[in-house]
Amino acid sequence: MSRTLTIGTYVYDTTAALFDGSVGLDGVEIDMRTAPTLPEIFQRAVCKDEFDVAELGLTFYLRLLEEGLPYVALPIFPNRVFRHSCVFVNAHSGITSPADLTGRTIGEFGTYGQDSGVWAKGILMDEYGFDPAANRWIVGGLEHPSPPFDFIPHPHPPNVSVTPAPLDATLNAMLASGEIDALFSANVPQCALDHSPDVTRLFPDYEPLERDYHRRTGIFPIMHTIVVHRTLLDTAPDLVHEVYRAFCRAKDEAAERYHRNRRLYQVQTMTPWMNALIERNETQFAPTPWPYGITPNRPTLETYLRYHHEQGLSRNLPHIEDIFAPQFLDT
């Protein structure tokens, strides 16, 4: 009789082969589950203990690890995004450069220091001398009114002003109206998608900045990791290694599909010049833009852990050896 393994993650290019069954595990029935939004997956993992294997945002994992968490991370990173592009500003605020953020009111979705916010603040601190303590931070829902997430701790330094948004307010509307001067957001707010004249990005031409940042640092920011239930790691370590290899195969299948489809100029997509984009990325990110494992991601992970601690989200500076399953430290 086959074993059933419950996996909760979002449907990405990197995980699609697990969902469609083209990548599986011998002798194991995989029950793939997802949700409309990523925080819902995180909450179901944390509050309902629903999954054997789950996707979890790095800051969610680190905060809960300090509180005690029945999961341990594997070096699988299904969600990575450059974050110069995630800072939005009210067009009438007078903010045209990072220096102009000082003394402003800034919104953030769900918690102070979401993964996107940790990266954006850290990059601005390293590259532009940004000081989060010089601002007022408002935490709330992006498109729908909601209080801060109730399933994670909300640490922040005592000298940083963090308050919930009004119960009937959304960060999207507050940004468009000027009630907040800026927004650090993992998702593009609807006002920006609608090309509102009242909203722009801090870095409107963000791609050259992000490419230059990568060339100088080698960092492609990691947002999320895959975690495995500690009981599974203790009782079936070989199976956990098979899970790691399955996620690797799923990711590699997606990469190969892009490579193979170059022959037909990526006609499967609706994006003109997709081939040119892929060729530029292959040049910049050789041998691969999306490695799993500790070794190729160590500089990125160490930078994130430093940011997390510097921003007062970790009591102590976390180390890679403390947060990933020891069986995978040599990957």
C-alpha atoms as a PDB file:
ATOM      1  CA  MET A   1       0.000   0.000   0.000  1.00  0.00           C
ATOM      2  CA  SER A   2       1.444   3.357  -1.050  1.00  0.00           C
ATOM      3  CA  ARG A   3       2.079   6.157   1.403  1.00  0.00           C
ATOM      4  CA  THR A   4       0.329   9.530   1.005  1.00  0.00           C
ATOM      5  CA  LEU A   5       2.333  12.734   1.336  1.00  0.00           C
ATOM      6  CA  THR A   6       0.500  16.045   1.658  1.00  0.00           C
ATOM      7  CA  ILE A   7       2.315  19.008   0.096  1.00  0.00           C
ATOM      8  CA  GLY A   8       1.058  22.588   0.335  1.00  0.00           C
ATOM      9  CA  THR A   9       2.556  25.138  -2.045  1.00  0.00           C
ATOM     10  CA  TYR A  10       1.612  27.670  -4.676  1.00  0.00           C
ATOM     11  CA  VAL A  11       1.414  26.699  -8.352  1.00  0.00           C
ATOM     12  CA  TYR A  12       4.571  28.138  -9.920  1.00  0.00           C
ATOM     13  CA  ASP A  13       6.649  27.134 -12.922  1.00  0.00           C
ATOM     14  CA  THR A  14       8.900  25.551 -10.314  1.00  0.00           C
ATOM     15  CA  THR A  15       6.120  23.367  -8.858  1.00  0.00           C
ATOM     16  CA  ALA A  16       3.748  22.819 -11.799  1.00  0.00           C
ATOM     17  CA  ALA A  17       5.178  19.377 -12.618  1.00  0.00           C
ATOM     18  CA  LEU A  18       4.310  18.212  -9.105  1.00  0.00           C
ATOM     19  CA  PHE A  19       0.731  19.399  -9.531  1.00  0.00           C
ATOM     20  CA  ASP A  20       0.211  17.844 -12.975  1.00  0.00           C
ATOM     21  CA  GLY A  21       1.840  14.571 -11.893  1.00  0.00           C
ATOM     22  CA  SER A  22       4.652  14.564 -14.448  1.00  0.00           C
ATOM     23  CA  VAL A  23       7.054  14.498 -11.482  1.00  0.00           C
ATOM     24  CA  GLY A  24       6.241  12.188  -8.602  1.00  0.00           C
ATOM     25  CA  LEU A  25       7.700   9.891  -5.975  1.00  0.00           C
ATOM     26  CA  ASP A  26       7.962   6.123  -6.397  1.00  0.00           C
ATOM     27  CA  GLY A  27       5.558   4.324  -4.087  1.00  0.00           C
ATOM     28  CA  VAL A  28       4.153   7.584  -2.724  1.00  0.00           C
ATOM     29  CA  GLU A  29       0.831   9.206  -3.525  1.00  0.00           C
ATOM     30  CA  ILE A  30       1.280  12.968  -3.476  1.00  0.00           C
ATOM     31  CA  ASP A  31      -1.670  15.073  -2.369  1.00  0.00           C
ATOM     32  CA  MET A  32      -0.835  18.514  -3.771  1.00  0.00           C
ATOM     33  CA  ARG A  33      -2.741  21.402  -2.184  1.00  0.00           C
ATOM     34  CA  THR A  34      -2.690  25.132  -2.773  1.00  0.00           C
ATOM     35  CA  ALA A  35      -4.710  28.264  -1.940  1.00  0.00           C
ATOM     36  CA  PRO A  36      -5.734  31.522  -3.628  1.00  0.00           C
ATOM     37  CA  THR A  37      -3.083  33.445  -1.678  1.00  0.00           C
ATOM     38  CA  LEU A  38       0.248  32.501  -0.177  1.00  0.00           C
ATOM     39  CA  PRO A  39      -0.539  33.658   3.397  1.00  0.00           C
ATOM     40  CA  GLU A  40      -3.413  31.154   3.390  1.00  0.00           C
ATOM     41  CA  ILE A  41      -0.958  28.325   2.724  1.00  0.00           C
ATOM     42  CA  PHE A  42       1.301  29.597   5.486  1.00  0.00           C
ATOM     43  CA  GLN A  43      -1.590  29.865   7.945  1.00  0.00           C
ATOM     44  CA  ARG A  44      -2.846  26.358   7.172  1.00  0.00           C
ATOM     45  CA  ALA A  45       0.641  24.970   7.766  1.00  0.00           C
ATOM     46  CA  VAL A  46       1.150  26.870  11.006  1.00  0.00           C
ATOM     47  CA  CYS A  47      -2.310  26.763  12.580  1.00  0.00           C
ATOM     48  CA  LYS A  48      -3.806  23.555  11.209  1.00  0.00           C
ATOM     49  CA  ASP A  49      -0.653  21.448  10.839  1.00  0.00           C
ATOM     50  CA  GLU A  50      -2.212  20.407   7.533  1.00  0.00           C
ATOM     51  CA  PHE A  51       0.852  19.452   5.491  1.00  0.00           C
ATOM     52  CA  ASP A  52       3.764  17.033   5.628  1.00  0.00           C
ATOM     53  CA  VAL A  53       5.654  19.427   3.371  1.00  0.00           C
ATOM     54  CA  ALA A  54       4.789  23.098   2.908  1.00  0.00           C
ATOM     55  CA  GLU A  55       5.892  26.385   1.442  1.00  0.00           C
ATOM     56  CA  LEU A  56       6.636  29.061   4.030  1.00  0.00           C
ATOM     57  CA  GLY A  57       7.897  32.615   3.721  1.00  0.00           C
ATOM     58  CA  LEU A  58      11.374  32.996   5.179  1.00  0.00           C
ATOM     59  CA  THR A  59      10.361  35.599   7.744  1.00  0.00           C
ATOM     60  CA  PHE A  60       7.330  33.529   8.780  1.00  0.00           C
ATOM     61  CA  TYR A  61       9.620  30.542   9.268  1.00  0.00           C
ATOM     62  CA  LEU A  62      12.271  32.468  11.192  1.00  0.00           C
ATOM     63  CA  ARG A  63       9.787  34.164  13.541  1.00  0.00           C
ATOM     64  CA  LEU A  64       8.036  30.905  14.312  1.00  0.00           C
ATOM     65  CA  LEU A  65      11.283  28.977  14.651  1.00  0.00           C
ATOM     66  CA  GLU A  66      12.175  31.140  17.626  1.00  0.00           C
ATOM     67  CA  GLU A  67       8.763  30.333  19.133  1.00  0.00           C
ATOM     68  CA  GLY A  68       8.937  26.601  18.380  1.00  0.00           C
ATOM     69  CA  LEU A  69       7.773  25.139  15.058  1.00  0.00           C
ATOM     70  CA  PRO A  70       7.211  21.490  14.028  1.00  0.00           C
ATOM     71  CA  TYR A  71       8.817  22.104  10.625  1.00  0.00           C
ATOM     72  CA  VAL A  72      12.410  22.381   9.441  1.00  0.00           C
ATOM     73  CA  ALA A  73      13.534  24.017   6.200  1.00  0.00           C
ATOM     74  CA  LEU A  74      14.883  22.287   3.123  1.00  0.00           C
ATOM     75  CA  PRO A  75      17.037  24.305   0.668  1.00  0.00           C
ATOM     76  CA  ILE A  76      14.230  24.511  -1.904  1.00  0.00           C
ATOM     77  CA  PHE A  77      13.297  28.031  -2.969  1.00  0.00           C
ATOM     78  CA  PRO A  78      10.207  28.151  -5.211  1.00  0.00           C
ATOM     79  CA  ASN A  79       9.704  31.920  -4.961  1.00  0.00           C
ATOM     80  CA  ARG A  80      12.435  34.465  -5.749  1.00  0.00           C
ATOM     81  CA  VAL A  81      11.924  38.086  -6.832  1.00  0.00           C
ATOM     82  CA  PHE A  82      14.164  41.119  -7.185  1.00  0.00           C
ATOM     83  CA  ARG A  83      12.774  43.827  -4.945  1.00  0.00           C
ATOM     84  CA  HIS A  84      13.851  47.270  -6.179  1.00  0.00           C
ATOM     85  CA  SER A  85      10.507  47.140  -7.983  1.00  0.00           C
ATOM     86  CA  CYS A  86       8.369  46.579  -4.863  1.00  0.00           C
ATOM     87  CA  VAL A  87       8.485  50.126  -3.443  1.00  0.00           C
ATOM     88  CA  PHE A  88       5.546  52.263  -4.591  1.00  0.00           C
ATOM     89  CA  VAL A  89       5.089  55.953  -3.790  1.00  0.00           C
ATOM     90  CA  ASN A  90       2.329  58.504  -3.992  1.00  0.00           C
ATOM     91  CA  ALA A  91       3.164  60.687  -6.989  1.00  0.00           C
ATOM     92  CA  HIS A  92       2.340  63.880  -5.055  1.00  0.00           C
ATOM     93  CA  SER A  93       4.474  63.027  -2.024  1.00  0.00           C
ATOM     94  CA  GLY A  94       7.663  64.556  -3.401  1.00  0.00           C
ATOM     95  CA  ILE A  95       9.474  61.214  -3.129  1.00  0.00           C
ATOM     96  CA  THR A  96      11.774  60.834  -6.125  1.00  0.00           C
ATOM     97  CA  SER A  97      14.767  59.097  -4.532  1.00  0.00           C
ATOM     98  CA  PRO A  98      15.470  56.844  -1.532  1.00  0.00           C
ATOM     99  CA  ALA A  99      16.641  59.849   0.482  1.00  0.00           C
ATOM    100  CA  ASP A 100      13.147  61.303   0.219  1.00  0.00           C
ATOM    101  CA  LEU A 101      11.695  58.364   2.190  1.00  0.00           C
ATOM    102  CA  THR A 102      13.026  59.785   5.469  1.00  0.00           C
ATOM    103  CA  GLY A 103      10.282  60.811   7.870  1.00  0.00           C
ATOM    104  CA  ARG A 104       7.497  59.349   5.754  1.00  0.00           C
ATOM    105  CA  THR A 105       4.509  57.129   6.471  1.00  0.00           C
ATOM    106  CA  ILE A 106       4.927  53.779   4.738  1.00  0.00           C
ATOM    107  CA  GLY A 107       2.512  50.885   4.386  1.00  0.00           C
ATOM    108  CA  GLU A 108       3.287  47.184   4.495  1.00  0.00           C
ATOM    109  CA  PHE A 109       0.969  44.213   3.994  1.00  0.00           C
ATOM    110  CA  GLY A 110       0.180  41.864   6.852  1.00  0.00           C
ATOM    111  CA  THR A 111       3.200  42.451   9.047  1.00  0.00           C
ATOM    112  CA  TYR A 112       6.149  44.755   9.489  1.00  0.00           C
ATOM    113  CA  GLY A 113       8.872  42.953   7.578  1.00  0.00           C
ATOM    114  CA  GLN A 114       7.259  40.637   5.062  1.00  0.00           C
ATOM    115  CA  ASP A 115       9.888  38.845   2.972  1.00  0.00           C
ATOM    116  CA  SER A 116       9.620  41.460   0.238  1.00  0.00           C
ATOM    117  CA  GLY A 117       9.884  44.227   2.829  1.00  0.00           C
ATOM    118  CA  VAL A 118      12.907  42.659   4.512  1.00  0.00           C
ATOM    119  CA  TRP A 119      14.712  42.573   1.182  1.00  0.00           C
ATOM    120  CA  ALA A 120      13.612  46.049   0.088  1.00  0.00           C
ATOM    121  CA  LYS A 121      14.574  47.644   3.416  1.00  0.00           C
ATOM    122  CA  GLY A 122      17.868  45.769   3.518  1.00  0.00           C
ATOM    123  CA  ILE A 123      18.852  46.742  -0.009  1.00  0.00           C
ATOM    124  CA  LEU A 124      17.923  50.377   0.644  1.00  0.00           C
ATOM    125  CA  MET A 125      19.927  50.288   3.892  1.00  0.00           C
ATOM    126  CA  ASP A 126      23.011  48.802   2.234  1.00  0.00           C
ATOM    127  CA  GLU A 127      22.920  50.824  -0.971  1.00  0.00           C
ATOM    128  CA  TYR A 128      21.312  54.150  -0.004  1.00  0.00           C
ATOM    129  CA  GLY A 129      21.666  54.588   3.770  1.00  0.00           C
ATOM    130  CA  PHE A 130      17.949  54.070   4.426  1.00  0.00           C
ATOM    131  CA  ASP A 131      16.891  53.985   8.100  1.00  0.00           C
ATOM    132  CA  PRO A 132      13.541  52.243   8.781  1.00  0.00           C
ATOM    133  CA  ALA A 133      13.405  53.846  12.237  1.00  0.00           C
ATOM    134  CA  ALA A 134      13.088  57.270  10.613  1.00  0.00           C
ATOM    135  CA  ASN A 135       9.627  56.368   9.279  1.00  0.00           C
ATOM    136  CA  ARG A 136       6.140  55.547  10.494  1.00  0.00           C
ATOM    137  CA  TRP A 137       4.903  52.123   9.368  1.00  0.00           C
ATOM    138  CA  ILE A 138       1.264  51.168   8.807  1.00  0.00           C
ATOM    139  CA  VAL A 139       0.372  47.458   8.559  1.00  0.00           C
ATOM    140  CA  GLY A 140      -2.876  46.301   6.986  1.00  0.00           C
ATOM    141  CA  GLY A 141      -4.596  44.648   4.028  1.00  0.00           C
ATOM    142  CA  LEU A 142      -3.567  45.510   0.494  1.00  0.00           C
ATOM    143  CA  GLU A 143      -6.848  45.290  -1.437  1.00  0.00           C
ATOM    144  CA  HIS A 144      -9.208  44.267   1.372  1.00  0.00           C
ATOM    145  CA  PRO A 145      -9.304  45.649   4.927  1.00  0.00           C
ATOM    146  CA  SER A 146      -7.650  43.222   7.324  1.00  0.00           C
ATOM    147  CA  PRO A 147      -5.729  43.375  10.584  1.00  0.00           C
ATOM    148  CA  PRO A 148      -2.099  42.224  10.816  1.00  0.00           C
ATOM    149  CA  PHE A 149      -1.638  38.463  10.491  1.00  0.00           C
ATOM    150  CA  ASP A 150      -2.723  36.770  13.702  1.00  0.00           C
ATOM    151  CA  PHE A 151      -0.729  33.550  13.277  1.00  0.00           C
ATOM    152  CA  ILE A 152       2.825  34.914  13.598  1.00  0.00           C
ATOM    153  CA  PRO A 153       4.665  37.093  16.114  1.00  0.00           C
ATOM    154  CA  HIS A 154       5.169  40.735  15.148  1.00  0.00           C
ATOM    155  CA  PRO A 155       8.599  41.752  16.449  1.00  0.00           C
ATOM    156  CA  HIS A 156      10.108  45.117  15.641  1.00  0.00           C
ATOM    157  CA  PRO A 157      12.657  47.358  17.370  1.00  0.00           C
ATOM    158  CA  PRO A 158      11.202  49.664  20.048  1.00  0.00           C
ATOM    159  CA  ASN A 159      12.415  52.728  18.143  1.00  0.00           C
ATOM    160  CA  VAL A 160      10.391  51.805  15.035  1.00  0.00           C
ATOM    161  CA  SER A 161       6.811  53.098  14.932  1.00  0.00           C
ATOM    162  CA  VAL A 162       4.464  50.351  13.677  1.00  0.00           C
ATOM    163  CA  THR A 163       0.662  50.649  13.904  1.00  0.00           C
ATOM    164  CA  PRO A 164      -2.274  48.817  12.289  1.00  0.00           C
ATOM    165  CA  ALA A 165      -4.171  50.470   9.472  1.00  0.00           C
ATOM    166  CA  PRO A 166      -7.741  51.611  10.237  1.00  0.00           C
ATOM    167  CA  LEU A 167     -10.085  48.624  10.210  1.00  0.00           C
ATOM    168  CA  ASP A 168     -11.991  49.869   7.146  1.00  0.00           C
ATOM    169  CA  ALA A 169      -8.909  50.945   5.149  1.00  0.00           C
ATOM    170  CA  THR A 170      -6.793  49.296   2.477  1.00  0.00           C
ATOM    171  CA  LEU A 171      -3.184  50.115   1.757  1.00  0.00           C
ATOM    172  CA  ASN A 172      -4.007  50.387  -1.939  1.00  0.00           C
ATOM    173  CA  ALA A 173      -6.556  53.167  -1.308  1.00  0.00           C
ATOM    174  CA  MET A 174      -4.344  54.866   1.289  1.00  0.00           C
ATOM    175  CA  LEU A 175      -1.462  55.017  -1.187  1.00  0.00           C
ATOM    176  CA  ALA A 176      -3.618  56.431  -3.976  1.00  0.00           C
ATOM    177  CA  SER A 177      -5.130  59.073  -1.686  1.00  0.00           C
ATOM    178  CA  GLY A 178      -1.832  60.062  -0.086  1.00  0.00           C
ATOM    179  CA  GLU A 179      -2.767  58.851   3.401  1.00  0.00           C
ATOM    180  CA  ILE A 180       0.474  56.902   3.205  1.00  0.00           C
ATOM    181  CA  ASP A 181       3.439  58.246   1.273  1.00  0.00           C
ATOM    182  CA  ALA A 182       4.834  54.902   0.165  1.00  0.00           C
ATOM    183  CA  LEU A 183       4.122  51.183   0.139  1.00  0.00           C
ATOM    184  CA  PHE A 184       6.486  48.207   0.373  1.00  0.00           C
ATOM    185  CA  SER A 185       4.506  45.416  -1.266  1.00  0.00           C
ATOM    186  CA  ALA A 186       5.068  41.865  -2.480  1.00  0.00           C
ATOM    187  CA  ASN A 187       2.063  42.324  -4.783  1.00  0.00           C
ATOM    188  CA  VAL A 188       1.535  45.187  -7.211  1.00  0.00           C
ATOM    189  CA  PRO A 189      -1.313  47.311  -5.805  1.00  0.00           C
ATOM    190  CA  GLN A 190      -4.367  47.692  -8.003  1.00  0.00           C
ATOM    191  CA  CYS A 191      -3.871  51.444  -8.310  1.00  0.00           C
ATOM    192  CA  ALA A 192      -0.505  50.799  -9.986  1.00  0.00           C
ATOM    193  CA  LEU A 193      -1.975  48.087 -12.217  1.00  0.00           C
ATOM    194  CA  ASP A 194      -4.635  50.626 -13.241  1.00  0.00           C
ATOM    195  CA  HIS A 195      -1.871  53.151 -14.113  1.00  0.00           C
ATOM    196  CA  SER A 196      -3.204  55.667 -11.621  1.00  0.00           C
ATOM    197  CA  PRO A 197      -1.530  59.063 -12.109  1.00  0.00           C
ATOM    198  CA  ASP A 198      -1.361  59.283  -8.313  1.00  0.00           C
ATOM    199  CA  VAL A 199       1.020  56.321  -7.928  1.00  0.00           C
ATOM    200  CA  THR A 200       4.454  55.462  -9.254  1.00  0.00           C
ATOM    201  CA  ARG A 201       7.398  53.290  -8.281  1.00  0.00           C
ATOM    202  CA  LEU A 202      10.366  54.602  -6.326  1.00  0.00           C
ATOM    203  CA  PHE A 203      12.469  53.139  -9.136  1.00  0.00           C
ATOM    204  CA  PRO A 204      10.311  53.334 -12.276  1.00  0.00           C
ATOM    205  CA  ASP A 205      13.065  51.875 -14.475  1.00  0.00           C
ATOM    206  CA  TYR A 206      13.848  49.080 -12.049  1.00  0.00           C
ATOM    207  CA  GLU A 207      15.140  46.315 -14.323  1.00  0.00           C
ATOM    208  CA  PRO A 208      18.586  47.882 -15.023  1.00  0.00           C
ATOM    209  CA  LEU A 209      19.006  48.565 -11.288  1.00  0.00           C
ATOM    210  CA  GLU A 210      18.079  45.002 -10.367  1.00  0.00           C
ATOM    211  CA  ARG A 211      20.363  43.548 -13.033  1.00  0.00           C
ATOM    212  CA  ASP A 212      23.234  45.732 -11.850  1.00  0.00           C
ATOM    213  CA  TYR A 213      22.567  44.723  -8.248  1.00  0.00           C
ATOM    214  CA  HIS A 214      22.763  41.066  -9.245  1.00  0.00           C
ATOM    215  CA  ARG A 215      25.971  41.555 -11.231  1.00  0.00           C
ATOM    216  CA  ARG A 216      27.653  43.275  -8.287  1.00  0.00           C
ATOM    217  CA  THR A 217      26.407  41.029  -5.497  1.00  0.00           C
ATOM    218  CA  GLY A 218      25.463  37.712  -7.095  1.00  0.00           C
ATOM    219  CA  ILE A 219      22.204  37.890  -5.111  1.00  0.00           C
ATOM    220  CA  PHE A 220      18.824  36.831  -6.517  1.00  0.00           C
ATOM    221  CA  PRO A 221      16.547  37.454  -3.503  1.00  0.00           C
ATOM    222  CA  ILE A 222      14.864  34.393  -1.997  1.00  0.00           C
ATOM    223  CA  MET A 223      11.357  34.911  -0.605  1.00  0.00           C
ATOM    224  CA  HIS A 224      10.177  31.439   0.420  1.00  0.00           C
ATOM    225  CA  THR A 225      11.514  28.036   1.359  1.00  0.00           C
ATOM    226  CA  ILE A 226      10.005  24.570   1.581  1.00  0.00           C
ATOM    227  CA  VAL A 227       9.664  23.096   5.055  1.00  0.00           C
ATOM    228  CA  VAL A 228       9.129  19.494   6.100  1.00  0.00           C
ATOM    229  CA  HIS A 229       7.461  18.195   9.234  1.00  0.00           C
ATOM    230  CA  ARG A 230      10.106  17.209  11.764  1.00  0.00           C
ATOM    231  CA  THR A 231       8.418  13.863  12.420  1.00  0.00           C
ATOM    232  CA  LEU A 232       8.785  12.978   8.740  1.00  0.00           C
ATOM    233  CA  LEU A 233      12.434  13.958   8.777  1.00  0.00           C
ATOM    234  CA  ASP A 234      13.007  11.815  11.875  1.00  0.00           C
ATOM    235  CA  THR A 235      11.067   8.753  10.721  1.00  0.00           C
ATOM    236  CA  ALA A 236      11.623   8.769   6.944  1.00  0.00           C
ATOM    237  CA  PRO A 237      14.822  10.674   6.099  1.00  0.00           C
ATOM    238  CA  ASP A 238      15.221   8.846   2.779  1.00  0.00           C
ATOM    239  CA  LEU A 239      11.751   9.972   1.764  1.00  0.00           C
ATOM    240  CA  VAL A 240      12.635  13.561   2.584  1.00  0.00           C
ATOM    241  CA  HIS A 241      15.660  13.290   0.285  1.00  0.00           C
ATOM    242  CA  GLU A 242      13.298  12.016  -2.411  1.00  0.00           C
ATOM    243  CA  VAL A 243      11.064  15.038  -1.806  1.00  0.00           C
ATOM    244  CA  TYR A 244      14.057  17.325  -2.302  1.00  0.00           C
ATOM    245  CA  ARG A 245      14.965  15.575  -5.542  1.00  0.00           C
ATOM    246  CA  ALA A 246      11.361  15.762  -6.761  1.00  0.00           C
ATOM    247  CA  PHE A 247      11.248  19.526  -6.239  1.00  0.00           C
ATOM    248  CA  CYS A 248      14.559  19.790  -8.083  1.00  0.00           C
ATOM    249  CA  ARG A 249      13.217  17.754 -11.005  1.00  0.00           C
ATOM    250  CA  ALA A 250      10.054  19.844 -11.171  1.00  0.00           C
ATOM    251  CA  LYS A 251      12.073  23.040 -11.295  1.00  0.00           C
ATOM    252  CA  ASP A 252      14.477  21.617 -13.884  1.00  0.00           C
ATOM    253  CA  GLU A 253      11.579  20.481 -16.076  1.00  0.00           C
ATOM    254  CA  ALA A 254      10.235  24.028 -16.125  1.00  0.00           C
ATOM    255  CA  ALA A 255      13.660  25.419 -17.060  1.00  0.00           C
ATOM    256  CA  GLU A 256      14.043  22.832 -19.805  1.00  0.00           C
ATOM    257  CA  ARG A 257      10.629  23.724 -21.193  1.00  0.00           C
ATOM    258  CA  TYR A 258      11.708  27.344 -21.640  1.00  0.00           C
ATOM    259  CA  HIS A 259      14.955  26.177 -23.226  1.00  0.00           C
ATOM    260  CA  ARG A 260      13.189  23.753 -25.575  1.00  0.00           C
ATOM    261  CA  ASN A 261      10.542  26.262 -26.619  1.00  0.00           C
ATOM    262  CA  ARG A 262      13.137  28.737 -27.862  1.00  0.00           C
ATOM    263  CA  ARG A 263      13.089  26.806 -31.142  1.00  0.00           C
ATOM    264  CA  LEU A 264       9.546  28.104 -31.721  1.00  0.00           C
ATOM    265  CA  TYR A 265      10.258  31.590 -30.377  1.00  0.00           C
ATOM    266  CA  GLN A 266       8.240  30.852 -27.226  1.00  0.00           C
ATOM    267  CA  VAL A 267       4.959  30.908 -29.166  1.00  0.00           C
ATOM    268  CA  GLN A 268       3.290  29.278 -26.153  1.00  0.00           C
ATOM    269  CA  THR A 269       3.438  32.668 -24.410  1.00  0.00           C
ATOM    270  CA  MET A 270       1.788  35.984 -25.308  1.00  0.00           C
ATOM    271  CA  THR A 271       4.922  37.973 -24.465  1.00  0.00           C
ATOM    272  CA  PRO A 272       6.787  39.454 -27.466  1.00  0.00           C
ATOM    273  CA  TRP A 273      10.575  39.082 -27.451  1.00  0.00           C
ATOM    274  CA  MET A 274      10.448  36.369 -24.816  1.00  0.00           C
ATOM    275  CA  ASN A 275      13.372  34.634 -26.529  1.00  0.00           C
ATOM    276  CA  ALA A 276      15.509  37.765 -26.205  1.00  0.00           C
ATOM    277  CA  LEU A 277      14.686  38.008 -22.499  1.00  0.00           C
ATOM    278  CA  ILE A 278      15.557  34.357 -21.930  1.00  0.00           C
ATOM    279  CA  GLU A 279      18.831  34.730 -23.817  1.00  0.00           C
ATOM    280  CA  ARG A 280      19.799  37.793 -21.762  1.00  0.00           C
ATOM    281  CA  ASN A 281      18.979  35.946 -18.568  1.00  0.00           C
ATOM    282  CA  GLU A 282      20.959  32.865 -19.607  1.00  0.00           C
ATOM    283  CA  THR A 283      23.990  35.097 -20.120  1.00  0.00           C
ATOM    284  CA  GLN A 284      23.613  36.862 -16.780  1.00  0.00           C
ATOM    285  CA  PHE A 285      22.578  33.892 -14.634  1.00  0.00           C
ATOM    286  CA  ALA A 286      24.754  31.097 -16.000  1.00  0.00           C
ATOM    287  CA  PRO A 287      24.706  28.213 -15.259  1.00  0.00           C
ATOM    288  CA  THR A 288      21.164  28.625 -13.882  1.00  0.00           C
ATOM    289  CA  PRO A 289      19.109  31.495 -12.460  1.00  0.00           C
ATOM    290  CA  TRP A 290      17.285  29.264 -10.010  1.00  0.00           C
ATOM    291  CA  PRO A 291      19.552  26.891  -8.066  1.00  0.00           C
ATOM    292  CA  TYR A 292      18.399  24.860  -5.093  1.00  0.00           C
ATOM    293  CA  GLY A 293      20.735  23.728  -2.345  1.00  0.00           C
ATOM    294  CA  ILE A 294      22.827  25.576   0.236  1.00  0.00           C
ATOM    295  CA  THR A 295      26.130  26.147  -1.578  1.00  0.00           C
ATOM    296  CA  PRO A 296      24.953  28.222  -4.570  1.00  0.00           C
ATOM    297  CA  ASN A 297      22.559  30.192  -2.369  1.00  0.00           C
ATOM    298  CA  ARG A 298      24.768  30.801   0.666  1.00  0.00           C
ATOM    299  CA  PRO A 299      25.535  34.494  -0.068  1.00  0.00           C
ATOM    300  CA  THR A 300      21.855  35.232  -0.683  1.00  0.00           C
ATOM    301  CA  LEU A 301      20.720  33.383   2.435  1.00  0.00           C
ATOM    302  CA  GLU A 302      23.378  34.979   4.655  1.00  0.00           C
ATOM    303  CA  THR A 303      22.383  38.420   3.398  1.00  0.00           C
ATOM    304  CA  TYR A 304      18.720  37.767   4.169  1.00  0.00           C
ATOM    305  CA  LEU A 305      19.524  36.463   7.652  1.00  0.00           C
ATOM    306  CA  ARG A 306      21.622  39.561   8.318  1.00  0.00           C
ATOM    307  CA  TYR A 307      18.802  41.822   7.135  1.00  0.00           C
ATOM    308  CA  HIS A 308      16.294  39.967   9.304  1.00  0.00           C
ATOM    309  CA  HIS A 309      18.438  40.490  12.386  1.00  0.00           C
ATOM    310  CA  GLU A 310      19.415  44.103  11.588  1.00  0.00           C
ATOM    311  CA  GLN A 311      15.744  45.002  11.201  1.00  0.00           C
ATOM    312  CA  GLY A 312      14.932  43.621  14.647  1.00  0.00           C
ATOM    313  CA  LEU A 313      12.939  40.630  13.411  1.00  0.00           C
ATOM    314  CA  SER A 314      15.282  38.019  14.930  1.00  0.00           C
ATOM    315  CA  ARG A 315      16.488  38.223  18.521  1.00  0.00           C
ATOM    316  CA  ASN A 316      19.822  36.694  17.500  1.00  0.00           C
ATOM    317  CA  LEU A 317      21.593  36.546  14.157  1.00  0.00           C
ATOM    318  CA  PRO A 318      20.361  33.290  12.571  1.00  0.00           C
ATOM    319  CA  HIS A 319      22.856  30.972  10.909  1.00  0.00           C
ATOM    320  CA  ILE A 320      22.217  28.712   7.961  1.00  0.00           C
ATOM    321  CA  GLU A 321      23.242  25.696  10.026  1.00  0.00           C
ATOM    322  CA  ASP A 322      20.508  26.521  12.560  1.00  0.00           C
ATOM    323  CA  ILE A 323      17.574  26.766  10.177  1.00  0.00           C
ATOM    324  CA  PHE A 324      18.047  24.066   7.518  1.00  0.00           C
ATOM    325  CA  ALA A 325      17.860  20.304   7.988  1.00  0.00           C
ATOM    326  CA  PRO A 326      21.432  19.163   8.734  1.00  0.00           C
ATOM    327  CA  GLN A 327      21.197  16.387   6.141  1.00  0.00           C
ATOM    328  CA  PHE A 328      21.064  19.060   3.430  1.00  0.00           C
ATOM    329  CA  LEU A 329      23.859  21.391   4.497  1.00  0.00           C
ATOM    330  CA  ASP A 330      26.248  19.964   1.894  1.00  0.00           C
ATOM    331  CA  THR A 331      23.870  20.480  -1.043  1.00  0.00           C
END
